Amino acid sequence: MSAESGSEQKYLGYVLGYRRGWNEQYPNQVLLKIFGVETRNEASRFIGAKVVLKDKYGNVYRGKIVGVHGTRGVVRAVFKPNIPGQAIGSTVEIYPSKK
C-alpha cells in the first residue's frame, strides 16, 4: 500500500519484532513487514529506504532498511535510538531512496 504525499512516495508497514535467535535478541535490529510486498525480490528494492515510526506520545524514531529477512518480503531495519518494545505492532512509514 502506498500513498502519494506531494512528490514523495510513501509506503506503510508494521513492526513484527526484534531480530532474534534462540538465545539472543538484537534490539538494534527490527523486522518490518511492508504492506503489498510478498517476495524477497520486491523487498530488496527497499534496502536503503528511510523509516519513520511515531508513537502515541509524540516520539519520532528514524531508521534505515539494511537488508531482507527470509523469502516472504520481510526487511531488517536499524533505528537510532533503538525502538522500545511497546512499539512492536506499530505502523511505520517507509520512504524509498531515490535511485
PDB file of N, CA and C in Angstrom:
ATOM      1  N   MET A   1       0.851  -1.167   0.000  1.00  0.00           N
ATOM      2  CA  MET A   1       0.000   0.000   0.000  1.00  0.00           C
ATOM      3  C   MET A   1       0.895   1.228   0.000  1.00  0.00           C
ATOM      4  N   SER A   2       0.698   2.087  -0.921  1.00  0.00           N
ATOM      5  CA  SER A   2       1.493   3.304  -0.990  1.00  0.00           C
ATOM      6  C   SER A   2       0.563   4.502  -1.025  1.00  0.00           C
ATOM      7  N   ALA A   3       1.068   5.611  -0.558  1.00  0.00           N
ATOM      8  CA  ALA A   3       0.293   6.841  -0.547  1.00  0.00           C
ATOM      9  C   ALA A   3       1.156   7.955  -1.099  1.00  0.00           C
ATOM     10  N   GLU A   4       0.588   8.761  -1.972  1.00  0.00           N
ATOM     11  CA  GLU A   4       1.314   9.889  -2.550  1.00  0.00           C
ATOM     12  C   GLU A   4       1.131  11.103  -1.655  1.00  0.00           C
ATOM     13  N   SER A   5       2.218  11.702  -1.227  1.00  0.00           N
ATOM     14  CA  SER A   5       2.143  12.942  -0.461  1.00  0.00           C
ATOM     15  C   SER A   5       3.114  13.919  -1.106  1.00  0.00           C
ATOM     16  N   GLY A   6       2.572  14.805  -1.903  1.00  0.00           N
ATOM     17  CA  GLY A   6       3.441  15.727  -2.626  1.00  0.00           C
ATOM     18  C   GLY A   6       4.200  14.967  -3.690  1.00  0.00           C
ATOM     19  N   SER A   7       5.522  15.114  -3.707  1.00  0.00           N
ATOM     20  CA  SER A   7       6.331  14.433  -4.705  1.00  0.00           C
ATOM     21  C   SER A   7       6.960  13.158  -4.159  1.00  0.00           C
ATOM     22  N   GLU A   8       6.829  12.913  -2.846  1.00  0.00           N
ATOM     23  CA  GLU A   8       7.412  11.715  -2.252  1.00  0.00           C
ATOM     24  C   GLU A   8       6.399  10.588  -2.224  1.00  0.00           C
ATOM     25  N   GLN A   9       6.872   9.383  -2.529  1.00  0.00           N
ATOM     26  CA  GLN A   9       6.019   8.223  -2.415  1.00  0.00           C
ATOM     27  C   GLN A   9       6.281   7.581  -1.061  1.00  0.00           C
ATOM     28  N   LYS A  10       5.222   7.229  -0.349  1.00  0.00           N
ATOM     29  CA  LYS A  10       5.336   6.695   0.994  1.00  0.00           C
ATOM     30  C   LYS A  10       4.664   5.332   1.036  1.00  0.00           C
ATOM     31  N   TYR A  11       5.328   4.360   1.639  1.00  0.00           N
ATOM     32  CA  TYR A  11       4.763   3.033   1.837  1.00  0.00           C
ATOM     33  C   TYR A  11       4.493   2.849   3.318  1.00  0.00           C
ATOM     34  N   LEU A  12       3.548   1.997   3.638  1.00  0.00           N
ATOM     35  CA  LEU A  12       3.233   1.707   5.028  1.00  0.00           C
ATOM     36  C   LEU A  12       3.602   0.268   5.349  1.00  0.00           C
ATOM     37  N   GLY A  13       3.952   0.041   6.585  1.00  0.00           N
ATOM     38  CA  GLY A  13       4.278  -1.288   7.065  1.00  0.00           C
ATOM     39  C   GLY A  13       4.056  -1.335   8.559  1.00  0.00           C
ATOM     40  N   TYR A  14       4.444  -2.452   9.184  1.00  0.00           N
ATOM     41  CA  TYR A  14       4.315  -2.546  10.627  1.00  0.00           C
ATOM     42  C   TYR A  14       5.495  -3.322  11.202  1.00  0.00           C
ATOM     43  N   VAL A  15       5.723  -3.116  12.491  1.00  0.00           N
ATOM     44  CA  VAL A  15       6.850  -3.726  13.198  1.00  0.00           C
ATOM     45  C   VAL A  15       6.448  -5.127  13.632  1.00  0.00           C
ATOM     46  N   LEU A  16       7.209  -6.134  13.189  1.00  0.00           N
ATOM     47  CA  LEU A  16       6.960  -7.511  13.607  1.00  0.00           C
ATOM     48  C   LEU A  16       7.617  -7.814  14.948  1.00  0.00           C
ATOM     49  N   GLY A  17       8.787  -7.262  15.175  1.00  0.00           N
ATOM     50  CA  GLY A  17       9.519  -7.524  16.415  1.00  0.00           C
ATOM     51  C   GLY A  17      10.999  -7.325  16.188  1.00  0.00           C
ATOM     52  N   TYR A  18      11.768  -7.608  17.229  1.00  0.00           N
ATOM     53  CA  TYR A  18      13.220  -7.538  17.112  1.00  0.00           C
ATOM     54  C   TYR A  18      13.745  -8.752  16.364  1.00  0.00           C
ATOM     55  N   ARG A  19      14.890  -8.591  15.710  1.00  0.00           N
ATOM     56  CA  ARG A  19      15.569  -9.739  15.125  1.00  0.00           C
ATOM     57  C   ARG A  19      16.112 -10.559  16.285  1.00  0.00           C
ATOM     58  N   ARG A  20      15.909 -11.867  16.245  1.00  0.00           N
ATOM     59  CA  ARG A  20      16.318 -12.689  17.372  1.00  0.00           C
ATOM     60  C   ARG A  20      16.685 -14.090  16.941  1.00  0.00           C
ATOM     61  N   GLY A  21      17.395 -14.752  17.823  1.00  0.00           N
ATOM     62  CA  GLY A  21      17.762 -16.146  17.640  1.00  0.00           C
ATOM     63  C   GLY A  21      17.269 -16.935  18.845  1.00  0.00           C
ATOM     64  N   TRP A  22      17.789 -18.126  19.007  1.00  0.00           N
ATOM     65  CA  TRP A  22      17.365 -18.965  20.125  1.00  0.00           C
ATOM     66  C   TRP A  22      17.749 -18.359  21.468  1.00  0.00           C
ATOM     67  N   ASN A  23      18.980 -17.826  21.546  1.00  0.00           N
ATOM     68  CA  ASN A  23      19.495 -17.371  22.830  1.00  0.00           C
ATOM     69  C   ASN A  23      19.720 -15.877  22.922  1.00  0.00           C
ATOM     70  N   GLU A  24      19.519 -15.173  21.860  1.00  0.00           N
ATOM     71  CA  GLU A  24      19.861 -13.759  21.865  1.00  0.00           C
ATOM     72  C   GLU A  24      18.857 -12.954  21.061  1.00  0.00           C
ATOM     73  N   GLN A  25      18.630 -11.737  21.526  1.00  0.00           N
ATOM     74  CA  GLN A  25      17.755 -10.797  20.836  1.00  0.00           C
ATOM     75  C   GLN A  25      18.591  -9.570  20.476  1.00  0.00           C
ATOM     76  N   TYR A  26      18.366  -9.015  19.291  1.00  0.00           N
ATOM     77  CA  TYR A  26      19.126  -7.859  18.824  1.00  0.00           C
ATOM     78  C   TYR A  26      18.206  -6.639  18.833  1.00  0.00           C
ATOM     79  N   PRO A  27      18.183  -5.861  19.919  1.00  0.00           N
ATOM     80  CA  PRO A  27      17.238  -4.746  20.000  1.00  0.00           C
ATOM     81  C   PRO A  27      17.559  -3.600  19.047  1.00  0.00           C
ATOM     82  N   ASN A  28      18.744  -3.625  18.449  1.00  0.00           N
ATOM     83  CA  ASN A  28      19.063  -2.572  17.480  1.00  0.00           C
ATOM     84  C   ASN A  28      18.592  -2.933  16.073  1.00  0.00           C
ATOM     85  N   GLN A  29      18.111  -4.154  15.854  1.00  0.00           N
ATOM     86  CA  GLN A  29      17.610  -4.554  14.540  1.00  0.00           C
ATOM     87  C   GLN A  29      16.152  -4.981  14.672  1.00  0.00           C
ATOM     88  N   VAL A  30      15.312  -4.418  13.811  1.00  0.00           N
ATOM     89  CA  VAL A  30      13.869  -4.631  13.882  1.00  0.00           C
ATOM     90  C   VAL A  30      13.397  -5.241  12.568  1.00  0.00           C
ATOM     91  N   LEU A  31      12.460  -6.179  12.645  1.00  0.00           N
ATOM     92  CA  LEU A  31      11.871  -6.777  11.451  1.00  0.00           C
ATOM     93  C   LEU A  31      10.593  -6.025  11.100  1.00  0.00           C
ATOM     94  N   LEU A  32      10.471  -5.649   9.828  1.00  0.00           N
ATOM     95  CA  LEU A  32       9.318  -4.896   9.347  1.00  0.00           C
ATOM     96  C   LEU A  32       8.644  -5.648   8.210  1.00  0.00           C
ATOM     97  N   LYS A  33       7.328  -5.607   8.174  1.00  0.00           N
ATOM     98  CA  LYS A  33       6.554  -6.146   7.063  1.00  0.00           C
ATOM     99  C   LYS A  33       5.937  -4.970   6.329  1.00  0.00           C
ATOM    100  N   ILE A  34       6.207  -4.855   5.037  1.00  0.00           N
ATOM    101  CA  ILE A  34       5.691  -3.765   4.221  1.00  0.00           C
ATOM    102  C   ILE A  34       4.415  -4.249   3.533  1.00  0.00           C
ATOM    103  N   PHE A  35       3.351  -3.465   3.642  1.00  0.00           N
ATOM    104  CA  PHE A  35       2.086  -3.846   3.028  1.00  0.00           C
ATOM    105  C   PHE A  35       2.241  -3.950   1.516  1.00  0.00           C
ATOM    106  N   GLY A  36       1.783  -5.054   0.935  1.00  0.00           N
ATOM    107  CA  GLY A  36       1.827  -5.246  -0.510  1.00  0.00           C
ATOM    108  C   GLY A  36       3.099  -5.871  -1.029  1.00  0.00           C
ATOM    109  N   VAL A  37       4.071  -6.141  -0.161  1.00  0.00           N
ATOM    110  CA  VAL A  37       5.345  -6.747  -0.570  1.00  0.00           C
ATOM    111  C   VAL A  37       5.336  -8.190  -0.091  1.00  0.00           C
ATOM    112  N   GLU A  38       5.431  -9.133  -1.034  1.00  0.00           N
ATOM    113  CA  GLU A  38       5.297 -10.545  -0.684  1.00  0.00           C
ATOM    114  C   GLU A  38       6.511 -11.402  -1.005  1.00  0.00           C
ATOM    115  N   THR A  39       7.478 -10.888  -1.784  1.00  0.00           N
ATOM    116  CA  THR A  39       8.620 -11.708  -2.160  1.00  0.00           C
ATOM    117  C   THR A  39       9.927 -11.025  -1.781  1.00  0.00           C
ATOM    118  N   ARG A  40      10.984 -11.810  -1.767  1.00  0.00           N
ATOM    119  CA  ARG A  40      12.312 -11.298  -1.442  1.00  0.00           C
ATOM    120  C   ARG A  40      12.774 -10.268  -2.471  1.00  0.00           C
ATOM    121  N   ASN A  41      12.487 -10.503  -3.746  1.00  0.00           N
ATOM    122  CA  ASN A  41      12.902  -9.561  -4.796  1.00  0.00           C
ATOM    123  C   ASN A  41      12.212  -8.211  -4.652  1.00  0.00           C
ATOM    124  N   GLU A  42      10.927  -8.221  -4.328  1.00  0.00           N
ATOM    125  CA  GLU A  42      10.212  -6.958  -4.118  1.00  0.00           C
ATOM    126  C   GLU A  42      10.776  -6.225  -2.905  1.00  0.00           C
ATOM    127  N   ALA A  43      11.075  -6.962  -1.845  1.00  0.00           N
ATOM    128  CA  ALA A  43      11.585  -6.346  -0.615  1.00  0.00           C
ATOM    129  C   ALA A  43      12.991  -5.776  -0.806  1.00  0.00           C
ATOM    130  N   SER A  44      13.779  -6.367  -1.680  1.00  0.00           N
ATOM    131  CA  SER A  44      15.157  -5.898  -1.874  1.00  0.00           C
ATOM    132  C   SER A  44      15.201  -4.493  -2.485  1.00  0.00           C
ATOM    133  N   ARG A  45      14.106  -4.049  -3.116  1.00  0.00           N
ATOM    134  CA  ARG A  45      14.055  -2.685  -3.657  1.00  0.00           C
ATOM    135  C   ARG A  45      14.096  -1.636  -2.550  1.00  0.00           C
ATOM    136  N   PHE A  46      13.738  -2.017  -1.335  1.00  0.00           N
ATOM    137  CA  PHE A  46      13.623  -1.068  -0.234  1.00  0.00           C
ATOM    138  C   PHE A  46      14.912  -0.915   0.579  1.00  0.00           C
ATOM    139  N   ILE A  47      15.951  -1.657   0.255  1.00  0.00           N
ATOM    140  CA  ILE A  47      17.205  -1.519   1.000  1.00  0.00           C
ATOM    141  C   ILE A  47      17.732  -0.102   0.815  1.00  0.00           C
ATOM    142  N   GLY A  48      18.038   0.546   1.932  1.00  0.00           N
ATOM    143  CA  GLY A  48      18.484   1.935   1.919  1.00  0.00           C
ATOM    144  C   GLY A  48      17.369   2.938   2.154  1.00  0.00           C
ATOM    145  N   ALA A  49      16.122   2.469   2.195  1.00  0.00           N
ATOM    146  CA  ALA A  49      14.987   3.367   2.396  1.00  0.00           C
ATOM    147  C   ALA A  49      14.955   3.876   3.833  1.00  0.00           C
ATOM    148  N   LYS A  50      14.432   5.077   4.017  1.00  0.00           N
ATOM    149  CA  LYS A  50      14.282   5.670   5.345  1.00  0.00           C
ATOM    150  C   LYS A  50      12.965   5.205   5.954  1.00  0.00           C
ATOM    151  N   VAL A  51      12.977   4.985   7.274  1.00  0.00           N
ATOM    152  CA  VAL A  51      11.798   4.526   8.000  1.00  0.00           C
ATOM    153  C   VAL A  51      11.515   5.502   9.132  1.00  0.00           C
ATOM    154  N   VAL A  52      10.240   5.842   9.313  1.00  0.00           N
ATOM    155  CA  VAL A  52       9.838   6.742  10.398  1.00  0.00           C
ATOM    156  C   VAL A  52       8.745   6.049  11.203  1.00  0.00           C
ATOM    157  N   LEU A  53       8.943   6.003  12.529  1.00  0.00           N
ATOM    158  CA  LEU A  53       7.961   5.437  13.443  1.00  0.00           C
ATOM    159  C   LEU A  53       7.587   6.524  14.446  1.00  0.00           C
ATOM    160  N   LYS A  54       6.285   6.787  14.566  1.00  0.00           N
ATOM    161  CA  LYS A  54       5.794   7.780  15.528  1.00  0.00           C
ATOM    162  C   LYS A  54       4.951   7.042  16.554  1.00  0.00           C
ATOM    163  N   ASP A  55       5.290   7.215  17.847  1.00  0.00           N
ATOM    164  CA  ASP A  55       4.495   6.543  18.869  1.00  0.00           C
ATOM    165  C   ASP A  55       3.397   7.461  19.386  1.00  0.00           C
ATOM    166  N   LYS A  56       2.568   6.946  20.268  1.00  0.00           N
ATOM    167  CA  LYS A  56       1.406   7.702  20.740  1.00  0.00           C
ATOM    168  C   LYS A  56       1.778   8.863  21.650  1.00  0.00           C
ATOM    169  N   TYR A  57       3.029   8.927  22.098  1.00  0.00           N
ATOM    170  CA  TYR A  57       3.483  10.014  22.957  1.00  0.00           C
ATOM    171  C   TYR A  57       4.116  11.154  22.169  1.00  0.00           C
ATOM    172  N   GLY A  58       4.197  11.004  20.860  1.00  0.00           N
ATOM    173  CA  GLY A  58       4.775  12.040  20.021  1.00  0.00           C
ATOM    174  C   GLY A  58       6.252  11.846  19.732  1.00  0.00           C
ATOM    175  N   ASN A  59       6.846  10.767  20.242  1.00  0.00           N
ATOM    176  CA  ASN A  59       8.253  10.490  19.944  1.00  0.00           C
ATOM    177  C   ASN A  59       8.386   9.995  18.516  1.00  0.00           C
ATOM    178  N   VAL A  60       9.451  10.422  17.849  1.00  0.00           N
ATOM    179  CA  VAL A  60       9.699  10.019  16.469  1.00  0.00           C
ATOM    180  C   VAL A  60      11.012   9.250  16.434  1.00  0.00           C
ATOM    181  N   TYR A  61      10.976   8.052  15.880  1.00  0.00           N
ATOM    182  CA  TYR A  61      12.163   7.215  15.724  1.00  0.00           C
ATOM    183  C   TYR A  61      12.447   7.097  14.237  1.00  0.00           C
ATOM    184  N   ARG A  62      13.680   7.385  13.852  1.00  0.00           N
ATOM    185  CA  ARG A  62      14.074   7.321  12.446  1.00  0.00           C
ATOM    186  C   ARG A  62      15.055   6.177  12.257  1.00  0.00           C
ATOM    187  N   GLY A  63      14.896   5.481  11.145  1.00  0.00           N
ATOM    188  CA  GLY A  63      15.763   4.354  10.878  1.00  0.00           C
ATOM    189  C   GLY A  63      15.995   4.178   9.394  1.00  0.00           C
ATOM    190  N   LYS A  64      16.658   3.068   9.076  1.00  0.00           N
ATOM    191  CA  LYS A  64      17.013   2.773   7.693  1.00  0.00           C
ATOM    192  C   LYS A  64      16.912   1.273   7.479  1.00  0.00           C
ATOM    193  N   ILE A  65      16.410   0.871   6.325  1.00  0.00           N
ATOM    194  CA  ILE A  65      16.325  -0.551   5.982  1.00  0.00           C
ATOM    195  C   ILE A  65      17.700  -1.011   5.518  1.00  0.00           C
ATOM    196  N   VAL A  66      18.199  -2.088   6.141  1.00  0.00           N
ATOM    197  CA  VAL A  66      19.564  -2.547   5.853  1.00  0.00           C
ATOM    198  C   VAL A  66      19.628  -3.912   5.177  1.00  0.00           C
ATOM    199  N   GLY A  67      18.520  -4.638   5.120  1.00  0.00           N
ATOM    200  CA  GLY A  67      18.579  -5.945   4.480  1.00  0.00           C
ATOM    201  C   GLY A  67      17.226  -6.623   4.440  1.00  0.00           C
ATOM    202  N   VAL A  68      17.192  -7.768   3.773  1.00  0.00           N
ATOM    203  CA  VAL A  68      15.978  -8.569   3.634  1.00  0.00           C
ATOM    204  C   VAL A  68      16.081  -9.734   4.609  1.00  0.00           C
ATOM    205  N   HIS A  69      14.952 -10.131   5.161  1.00  0.00           N
ATOM    206  CA  HIS A  69      14.913 -11.230   6.121  1.00  0.00           C
ATOM    207  C   HIS A  69      13.969 -12.301   5.583  1.00  0.00           C
ATOM    208  N   GLY A  70      14.496 -13.424   5.165  1.00  0.00           N
ATOM    209  CA  GLY A  70      13.664 -14.515   4.678  1.00  0.00           C
ATOM    210  C   GLY A  70      13.204 -14.312   3.250  1.00  0.00           C
ATOM    211  N   THR A  71      12.161 -15.057   2.875  1.00  0.00           N
ATOM    212  CA  THR A  71      11.686 -15.041   1.492  1.00  0.00           C
ATOM    213  C   THR A  71      10.279 -14.472   1.351  1.00  0.00           C
ATOM    214  N   ARG A  72       9.676 -13.985   2.416  1.00  0.00           N
ATOM    215  CA  ARG A  72       8.287 -13.540   2.392  1.00  0.00           C
ATOM    216  C   ARG A  72       8.124 -12.027   2.394  1.00  0.00           C
ATOM    217  N   GLY A  73       9.164 -11.287   2.066  1.00  0.00           N
ATOM    218  CA  GLY A  73       9.031  -9.847   1.950  1.00  0.00           C
ATOM    219  C   GLY A  73       9.233  -9.084   3.243  1.00  0.00           C
ATOM    220  N   VAL A  74       9.886  -9.686   4.226  1.00  0.00           N
ATOM    221  CA  VAL A  74      10.185  -9.002   5.483  1.00  0.00           C
ATOM    222  C   VAL A  74      11.565  -8.369   5.361  1.00  0.00           C
ATOM    223  N   VAL A  75      11.733  -7.174   5.933  1.00  0.00           N
ATOM    224  CA  VAL A  75      13.014  -6.465   5.864  1.00  0.00           C
ATOM    225  C   VAL A  75      13.534  -6.186   7.270  1.00  0.00           C
ATOM    226  N   ARG A  76      14.852  -5.968   7.368  1.00  0.00           N
ATOM    227  CA  ARG A  76      15.508  -5.600   8.620  1.00  0.00           C
ATOM    228  C   ARG A  76      15.789  -4.109   8.590  1.00  0.00           C
ATOM    229  N   ALA A  77      15.525  -3.443   9.710  1.00  0.00           N
ATOM    230  CA  ALA A  77      15.796  -2.009   9.812  1.00  0.00           C
ATOM    231  C   ALA A  77      16.576  -1.742  11.091  1.00  0.00           C
ATOM    232  N   VAL A  78      17.397  -0.695  11.048  1.00  0.00           N
ATOM    233  CA  VAL A  78      18.165  -0.254  12.205  1.00  0.00           C
ATOM    234  C   VAL A  78      17.666   1.135  12.571  1.00  0.00           C
ATOM    235  N   PHE A  79      17.345   1.342  13.848  1.00  0.00           N
ATOM    236  CA  PHE A  79      16.856   2.619  14.336  1.00  0.00           C
ATOM    237  C   PHE A  79      17.871   3.233  15.290  1.00  0.00           C
ATOM    238  N   LYS A  80      17.970   4.552  15.279  1.00  0.00           N
ATOM    239  CA  LYS A  80      18.755   5.311  16.252  1.00  0.00           C
ATOM    240  C   LYS A  80      17.845   6.353  16.844  1.00  0.00           C
ATOM    241  N   PRO A  81      17.515   6.333  18.095  1.00  0.00           N
ATOM    242  CA  PRO A  81      17.813   5.310  19.089  1.00  0.00           C
ATOM    243  C   PRO A  81      16.965   4.058  18.844  1.00  0.00           C
ATOM    244  N   ASN A  82      17.290   2.970  19.539  1.00  0.00           N
ATOM    245  CA  ASN A  82      16.519   1.738  19.398  1.00  0.00           C
ATOM    246  C   ASN A  82      15.062   1.991  19.783  1.00  0.00           C
ATOM    247  N   ILE A  83      14.144   1.280  19.120  1.00  0.00           N
ATOM    248  CA  ILE A  83      12.729   1.465  19.455  1.00  0.00           C
ATOM    249  C   ILE A  83      12.401   0.640  20.701  1.00  0.00           C
ATOM    250  N   PRO A  84      11.455   1.105  21.504  1.00  0.00           N
ATOM    251  CA  PRO A  84      11.062   0.345  22.696  1.00  0.00           C
ATOM    252  C   PRO A  84      10.198  -0.856  22.323  1.00  0.00           C
ATOM    253  N   GLY A  85      10.097  -1.808  23.215  1.00  0.00           N
ATOM    254  CA  GLY A  85       9.288  -2.999  22.974  1.00  0.00           C
ATOM    255  C   GLY A  85       7.817  -2.694  22.775  1.00  0.00           C
ATOM    256  N   GLN A  86       7.340  -1.576  23.351  1.00  0.00           N
ATOM    257  CA  GLN A  86       5.931  -1.213  23.202  1.00  0.00           C
ATOM    258  C   GLN A  86       5.596  -0.834  21.765  1.00  0.00           C
ATOM    259  N   ALA A  87       6.603  -0.590  20.938  1.00  0.00           N
ATOM    260  CA  ALA A  87       6.372  -0.196  19.544  1.00  0.00           C
ATOM    261  C   ALA A  87       6.132  -1.396  18.632  1.00  0.00           C
ATOM    262  N   ILE A  88       6.290  -2.604  19.135  1.00  0.00           N
ATOM    263  CA  ILE A  88       6.042  -3.791  18.316  1.00  0.00           C
ATOM    264  C   ILE A  88       4.563  -3.820  17.943  1.00  0.00           C
ATOM    265  N   GLY A  89       4.285  -3.950  16.665  1.00  0.00           N
ATOM    266  CA  GLY A  89       2.915  -3.920  16.155  1.00  0.00           C
ATOM    267  C   GLY A  89       2.511  -2.558  15.634  1.00  0.00           C
ATOM    268  N   SER A  90       3.355  -1.545  15.834  1.00  0.00           N
ATOM    269  CA  SER A  90       3.047  -0.192  15.385  1.00  0.00           C
ATOM    270  C   SER A  90       3.217  -0.055  13.881  1.00  0.00           C
ATOM    271  N   THR A  91       2.547   0.938  13.325  1.00  0.00           N
ATOM    272  CA  THR A  91       2.659   1.245  11.907  1.00  0.00           C
ATOM    273  C   THR A  91       3.868   2.135  11.664  1.00  0.00           C
ATOM    274  N   VAL A  92       4.581   1.891  10.563  1.00  0.00           N
ATOM    275  CA  VAL A  92       5.732   2.705  10.172  1.00  0.00           C
ATOM    276  C   VAL A  92       5.495   3.254   8.771  1.00  0.00           C
ATOM    277  N   GLU A  93       6.156   4.368   8.489  1.00  0.00           N
ATOM    278  CA  GLU A  93       6.137   4.955   7.150  1.00  0.00           C
ATOM    279  C   GLU A  93       7.496   4.712   6.528  1.00  0.00           C
ATOM    280  N   ILE A  94       7.516   4.293   5.276  1.00  0.00           N
ATOM    281  CA  ILE A  94       8.759   3.963   4.570  1.00  0.00           C
ATOM    282  C   ILE A  94       8.868   4.850   3.348  1.00  0.00           C
ATOM    283  N   TYR A  95       9.992   5.546   3.268  1.00  0.00           N
ATOM    284  CA  TYR A  95      10.261   6.451   2.144  1.00  0.00           C
ATOM    285  C   TYR A  95      11.416   5.873   1.334  1.00  0.00           C
ATOM    286  N   PRO A  96      11.140   5.314   0.141  1.00  0.00           N
ATOM    287  CA  PRO A  96      12.199   4.693  -0.664  1.00  0.00           C
ATOM    288  C   PRO A  96      13.284   5.687  -1.034  1.00  0.00           C
ATOM    289  N   SER A  97      14.513   5.161  -1.129  1.00  0.00           N
ATOM    290  CA  SER A  97      15.627   6.026  -1.535  1.00  0.00           C
ATOM    291  C   SER A  97      15.482   6.365  -3.015  1.00  0.00           C
ATOM    292  N   LYS A  98      15.928   7.535  -3.370  1.00  0.00           N
ATOM    293  CA  LYS A  98      15.831   7.989  -4.766  1.00  0.00           C
ATOM    294  C   LYS A  98      17.032   7.457  -5.525  1.00  0.00           C
ATOM    295  N   LYS A  99      16.771   6.569  -6.481  1.00  0.00           N
ATOM    296  CA  LYS A  99      17.861   5.987  -7.279  1.00  0.00           C
ATOM    297  C   LYS A  99      17.679   6.331  -8.722  1.00  0.00           C
TER     298      LYS A  99
END
